[in-house]
Amino acid sequence: MAGSSAQGLSSGSRGRRRRGGRSRLSEINVTPLVDVMLVLLIVFMISAPLLTAGVPVELPKTEASALNDQNEPLTVSVAADGKLFVQDRPVLFAELAPRMMALSGEDQKRQVFVRADGKASYETVAQVMASLSRTGFTSIGLITDIGGPSSGVPADDQAP
């Protein structure tokens, strides 16, 4: 009889475990999600600066402030050795004007940015800007880094 009462207790306790211990999980384990999101964040933080400039040039520093964002402008880069790039593709000086005309289409009022390495010759940069001006582009800007030498005028007193 002792055996039958032990069987009764064990079967009864198994029944209770099924009902009470095996409830459905209503929580989502977010740890793997957080791990994946942190890895993606790190990947984007590392790759974002690499996507901003196609041609590596060391820009000269000035105290001028940044311009407001506009439509995507055309960019001409002048490397330290004098090589020219339109957007991120190399171009010869003789092909600069036709390539810029082809890229701009009929919109010659489109903003053109000239990114010249600080070690590039002034003559090359002046020739590029003159070529753009002769082609009909009127809105030409030089891209520089901020934090360069001061002109002696406090930032508040400068004209916008």
C-alpha atoms as a PDB file:
ATOM      1  CA  MET A   1       0.000   0.000   0.000  1.00  0.00           C
ATOM      2  CA  ALA A   2       2.858   2.274   0.575  1.00  0.00           C
ATOM      3  CA  GLY A   3       3.751   1.942  -3.077  1.00  0.00           C
ATOM      4  CA  SER A   4       0.280   2.945  -4.249  1.00  0.00           C
ATOM      5  CA  SER A   5       0.162   6.086  -2.102  1.00  0.00           C
ATOM      6  CA  ALA A   6       3.613   7.112  -3.375  1.00  0.00           C
ATOM      7  CA  GLN A   7       2.395   6.687  -6.950  1.00  0.00           C
ATOM      8  CA  GLY A   8      -0.643   8.800  -6.196  1.00  0.00           C
ATOM      9  CA  LEU A   9       1.456  11.601  -4.758  1.00  0.00           C
ATOM     10  CA  SER A  10       3.902  11.596  -7.622  1.00  0.00           C
ATOM     11  CA  SER A  11       1.188  11.611 -10.277  1.00  0.00           C
ATOM     12  CA  GLY A  12      -0.648  14.363  -8.433  1.00  0.00           C
ATOM     13  CA  SER A  13       2.452  16.494  -8.157  1.00  0.00           C
ATOM     14  CA  ARG A  14       3.164  16.010 -11.864  1.00  0.00           C
ATOM     15  CA  GLY A  15      -0.284  17.269 -12.688  1.00  0.00           C
ATOM     16  CA  ARG A  16       0.220  20.389 -10.621  1.00  0.00           C
ATOM     17  CA  ARG A  17       3.562  21.114 -12.240  1.00  0.00           C
ATOM     18  CA  ARG A  18       2.038  20.989 -15.686  1.00  0.00           C
ATOM     19  CA  ARG A  19      -0.703  23.401 -14.803  1.00  0.00           C
ATOM     20  CA  GLY A  20       1.296  25.827 -12.630  1.00  0.00           C
ATOM     21  CA  GLY A  21       4.860  25.551 -13.962  1.00  0.00           C
ATOM     22  CA  ARG A  22       4.273  25.441 -17.700  1.00  0.00           C
ATOM     23  CA  SER A  23       2.631  28.766 -18.350  1.00  0.00           C
ATOM     24  CA  ARG A  24       3.323  30.572 -21.609  1.00  0.00           C
ATOM     25  CA  LEU A  25       6.052  33.195 -21.657  1.00  0.00           C
ATOM     26  CA  SER A  26       4.576  36.618 -22.296  1.00  0.00           C
ATOM     27  CA  GLU A  27       7.926  38.433 -22.287  1.00  0.00           C
ATOM     28  CA  ILE A  28      10.303  38.959 -25.200  1.00  0.00           C
ATOM     29  CA  ASN A  29      14.000  38.570 -24.576  1.00  0.00           C
ATOM     30  CA  VAL A  30      15.418  41.889 -25.829  1.00  0.00           C
ATOM     31  CA  THR A  31      19.074  41.131 -25.110  1.00  0.00           C
ATOM     32  CA  PRO A  32      19.820  39.786 -28.622  1.00  0.00           C
ATOM     33  CA  LEU A  33      18.009  42.760 -30.150  1.00  0.00           C
ATOM     34  CA  VAL A  34      20.090  45.211 -28.117  1.00  0.00           C
ATOM     35  CA  ASP A  35      23.288  43.380 -29.097  1.00  0.00           C
ATOM     36  CA  VAL A  36      22.445  43.583 -32.803  1.00  0.00           C
ATOM     37  CA  MET A  37      21.499  47.266 -32.546  1.00  0.00           C
ATOM     38  CA  LEU A  38      24.774  48.138 -30.793  1.00  0.00           C
ATOM     39  CA  VAL A  39      26.789  46.341 -33.468  1.00  0.00           C
ATOM     40  CA  LEU A  40      24.889  48.215 -36.214  1.00  0.00           C
ATOM     41  CA  LEU A  41      25.454  51.514 -34.417  1.00  0.00           C
ATOM     42  CA  ILE A  42      29.196  50.891 -34.271  1.00  0.00           C
ATOM     43  CA  VAL A  43      29.314  49.892 -37.942  1.00  0.00           C
ATOM     44  CA  PHE A  44      27.500  53.069 -38.997  1.00  0.00           C
ATOM     45  CA  MET A  45      29.637  55.269 -36.742  1.00  0.00           C
ATOM     46  CA  ILE A  46      32.782  53.892 -38.349  1.00  0.00           C
ATOM     47  CA  SER A  47      31.559  53.908 -41.958  1.00  0.00           C
ATOM     48  CA  ALA A  48      29.762  57.298 -42.000  1.00  0.00           C
ATOM     49  CA  PRO A  49      32.907  59.481 -42.137  1.00  0.00           C
ATOM     50  CA  LEU A  50      34.253  57.369 -44.998  1.00  0.00           C
ATOM     51  CA  LEU A  51      31.186  58.099 -47.130  1.00  0.00           C
ATOM     52  CA  THR A  52      31.401  61.900 -46.991  1.00  0.00           C
ATOM     53  CA  ALA A  53      34.472  62.562 -49.147  1.00  0.00           C
ATOM     54  CA  GLY A  54      35.324  60.634 -52.271  1.00  0.00           C
ATOM     55  CA  VAL A  55      38.757  62.165 -52.832  1.00  0.00           C
ATOM     56  CA  PRO A  56      41.085  62.556 -49.841  1.00  0.00           C
ATOM     57  CA  VAL A  57      42.334  66.138 -49.727  1.00  0.00           C
ATOM     58  CA  GLU A  58      43.635  68.127 -46.785  1.00  0.00           C
ATOM     59  CA  LEU A  59      41.442  71.236 -46.791  1.00  0.00           C
ATOM     60  CA  PRO A  60      42.925  74.567 -45.684  1.00  0.00           C
ATOM     61  CA  LYS A  61      41.515  75.947 -42.437  1.00  0.00           C
ATOM     62  CA  THR A  62      39.673  79.285 -42.174  1.00  0.00           C
ATOM     63  CA  GLU A  63      37.470  80.931 -39.603  1.00  0.00           C
ATOM     64  CA  ALA A  64      34.456  81.093 -41.940  1.00  0.00           C
ATOM     65  CA  SER A  65      31.328  79.299 -40.807  1.00  0.00           C
ATOM     66  CA  ALA A  66      29.671  76.467 -42.704  1.00  0.00           C
ATOM     67  CA  LEU A  67      27.046  77.151 -45.370  1.00  0.00           C
ATOM     68  CA  ASN A  68      23.455  76.027 -45.043  1.00  0.00           C
ATOM     69  CA  ASP A  69      22.662  72.728 -46.736  1.00  0.00           C
ATOM     70  CA  GLN A  70      21.321  73.095 -50.260  1.00  0.00           C
ATOM     71  CA  ASN A  71      20.555  70.780 -53.153  1.00  0.00           C
ATOM     72  CA  GLU A  72      23.428  68.459 -53.907  1.00  0.00           C
ATOM     73  CA  PRO A  73      26.059  70.688 -55.502  1.00  0.00           C
ATOM     74  CA  LEU A  74      28.626  69.755 -58.083  1.00  0.00           C
ATOM     75  CA  THR A  75      32.073  69.278 -56.566  1.00  0.00           C
ATOM     76  CA  VAL A  76      35.445  69.799 -58.203  1.00  0.00           C
ATOM     77  CA  SER A  77      38.379  68.535 -56.126  1.00  0.00           C
ATOM     78  CA  VAL A  78      41.997  69.565 -56.659  1.00  0.00           C
ATOM     79  CA  ALA A  79      44.486  67.124 -55.139  1.00  0.00           C
ATOM     80  CA  ALA A  80      47.862  68.216 -53.754  1.00  0.00           C
ATOM     81  CA  ASP A  81      49.609  67.022 -56.922  1.00  0.00           C
ATOM     82  CA  GLY A  82      47.236  69.062 -59.156  1.00  0.00           C
ATOM     83  CA  LYS A  83      45.002  66.202 -60.321  1.00  0.00           C
ATOM     84  CA  LEU A  84      41.359  67.188 -60.848  1.00  0.00           C
ATOM     85  CA  PHE A  85      38.254  65.249 -59.867  1.00  0.00           C
ATOM     86  CA  VAL A  86      34.633  65.995 -60.720  1.00  0.00           C
ATOM     87  CA  GLN A  87      32.514  64.540 -57.914  1.00  0.00           C
ATOM     88  CA  ASP A  88      34.809  61.538 -57.239  1.00  0.00           C
ATOM     89  CA  ARG A  89      35.981  60.745 -60.799  1.00  0.00           C
ATOM     90  CA  PRO A  90      39.313  61.902 -62.218  1.00  0.00           C
ATOM     91  CA  VAL A  91      39.200  64.362 -65.109  1.00  0.00           C
ATOM     92  CA  LEU A  92      41.791  66.177 -67.216  1.00  0.00           C
ATOM     93  CA  PHE A  93      41.760  69.991 -67.169  1.00  0.00           C
ATOM     94  CA  ALA A  94      40.739  70.107 -70.861  1.00  0.00           C
ATOM     95  CA  GLU A  95      37.700  67.911 -70.069  1.00  0.00           C
ATOM     96  CA  LEU A  96      36.610  69.912 -66.995  1.00  0.00           C
ATOM     97  CA  ALA A  97      34.240  72.374 -68.710  1.00  0.00           C
ATOM     98  CA  PRO A  98      32.487  69.806 -70.936  1.00  0.00           C
ATOM     99  CA  ARG A  99      32.058  67.383 -68.020  1.00  0.00           C
ATOM    100  CA  MET A 100      30.609  70.107 -65.786  1.00  0.00           C
ATOM    101  CA  MET A 101      28.223  71.203 -68.543  1.00  0.00           C
ATOM    102  CA  ALA A 102      27.096  67.605 -69.014  1.00  0.00           C
ATOM    103  CA  LEU A 103      26.506  67.135 -65.285  1.00  0.00           C
ATOM    104  CA  SER A 104      24.652  70.402 -64.769  1.00  0.00           C
ATOM    105  CA  GLY A 105      22.464  70.160 -67.848  1.00  0.00           C
ATOM    106  CA  GLU A 106      20.671  73.457 -68.327  1.00  0.00           C
ATOM    107  CA  ASP A 107      21.001  74.471 -64.669  1.00  0.00           C
ATOM    108  CA  GLN A 108      24.186  76.586 -64.723  1.00  0.00           C
ATOM    109  CA  LYS A 109      23.052  78.450 -61.614  1.00  0.00           C
ATOM    110  CA  ARG A 110      23.652  75.231 -59.697  1.00  0.00           C
ATOM    111  CA  GLN A 111      26.132  75.588 -56.825  1.00  0.00           C
ATOM    112  CA  VAL A 112      29.663  74.392 -57.607  1.00  0.00           C
ATOM    113  CA  PHE A 113      32.068  73.682 -54.754  1.00  0.00           C
ATOM    114  CA  VAL A 114      35.811  73.641 -55.285  1.00  0.00           C
ATOM    115  CA  ARG A 115      37.632  71.455 -52.750  1.00  0.00           C
ATOM    116  CA  ALA A 116      41.347  72.172 -53.094  1.00  0.00           C
ATOM    117  CA  ASP A 117      44.056  70.570 -51.014  1.00  0.00           C
ATOM    118  CA  GLY A 118      45.939  73.169 -48.958  1.00  0.00           C
ATOM    119  CA  LYS A 119      49.152  72.079 -50.677  1.00  0.00           C
ATOM    120  CA  ALA A 120      47.713  72.432 -54.209  1.00  0.00           C
ATOM    121  CA  SER A 121      49.175  75.311 -56.219  1.00  0.00           C
ATOM    122  CA  TYR A 122      47.235  78.551 -56.232  1.00  0.00           C
ATOM    123  CA  GLU A 123      47.638  78.672 -60.028  1.00  0.00           C
ATOM    124  CA  THR A 124      45.790  75.366 -60.494  1.00  0.00           C
ATOM    125  CA  VAL A 125      42.915  76.411 -58.227  1.00  0.00           C
ATOM    126  CA  ALA A 126      42.635  79.803 -59.977  1.00  0.00           C
ATOM    127  CA  GLN A 127      42.603  78.116 -63.402  1.00  0.00           C
ATOM    128  CA  VAL A 128      39.840  75.728 -62.293  1.00  0.00           C
ATOM    129  CA  MET A 129      37.726  78.595 -60.963  1.00  0.00           C
ATOM    130  CA  ALA A 130      38.318  80.664 -64.120  1.00  0.00           C
ATOM    131  CA  SER A 131      37.335  77.709 -66.309  1.00  0.00           C
ATOM    132  CA  LEU A 132      34.123  77.249 -64.332  1.00  0.00           C
ATOM    133  CA  SER A 133      33.357  80.955 -64.581  1.00  0.00           C
ATOM    134  CA  ARG A 134      33.973  81.009 -68.371  1.00  0.00           C
ATOM    135  CA  THR A 135      31.682  77.988 -68.716  1.00  0.00           C
ATOM    136  CA  GLY A 136      28.839  80.020 -67.201  1.00  0.00           C
ATOM    137  CA  PHE A 137      28.777  78.888 -63.579  1.00  0.00           C
ATOM    138  CA  THR A 138      28.150  81.900 -61.348  1.00  0.00           C
ATOM    139  CA  SER A 139      27.809  80.281 -57.951  1.00  0.00           C
ATOM    140  CA  ILE A 140      31.280  78.919 -57.147  1.00  0.00           C
ATOM    141  CA  GLY A 141      32.365  78.308 -53.563  1.00  0.00           C
ATOM    142  CA  LEU A 142      35.623  77.209 -51.961  1.00  0.00           C
ATOM    143  CA  ILE A 143      35.372  74.498 -49.327  1.00  0.00           C
ATOM    144  CA  THR A 144      37.600  74.883 -46.262  1.00  0.00           C
ATOM    145  CA  ASP A 145      37.832  73.473 -42.755  1.00  0.00           C
ATOM    146  CA  ILE A 146      36.961  75.695 -39.810  1.00  0.00           C
ATOM    147  CA  GLY A 147      39.382  76.532 -37.016  1.00  0.00           C
ATOM    148  CA  GLY A 148      42.119  78.215 -39.024  1.00  0.00           C
ATOM    149  CA  PRO A 149      44.065  81.378 -38.223  1.00  0.00           C
ATOM    150  CA  SER A 150      42.038  84.398 -37.218  1.00  0.00           C
ATOM    151  CA  SER A 151      41.831  87.536 -39.347  1.00  0.00           C
ATOM    152  CA  GLY A 152      41.797  89.638 -36.183  1.00  0.00           C
ATOM    153  CA  VAL A 153      38.096  90.500 -36.456  1.00  0.00           C
ATOM    154  CA  PRO A 154      35.908  89.064 -33.657  1.00  0.00           C
ATOM    155  CA  ALA A 155      33.309  86.599 -34.948  1.00  0.00           C
ATOM    156  CA  ASP A 156      30.395  88.797 -33.785  1.00  0.00           C
ATOM    157  CA  ASP A 157      31.607  91.817 -35.808  1.00  0.00           C
ATOM    158  CA  GLN A 158      31.930  89.991 -39.124  1.00  0.00           C
ATOM    159  CA  ALA A 159      29.426  90.626 -41.883  1.00  0.00           C
ATOM    160  CA  PRO A 160      27.264  87.611 -42.801  1.00  0.00           C
END
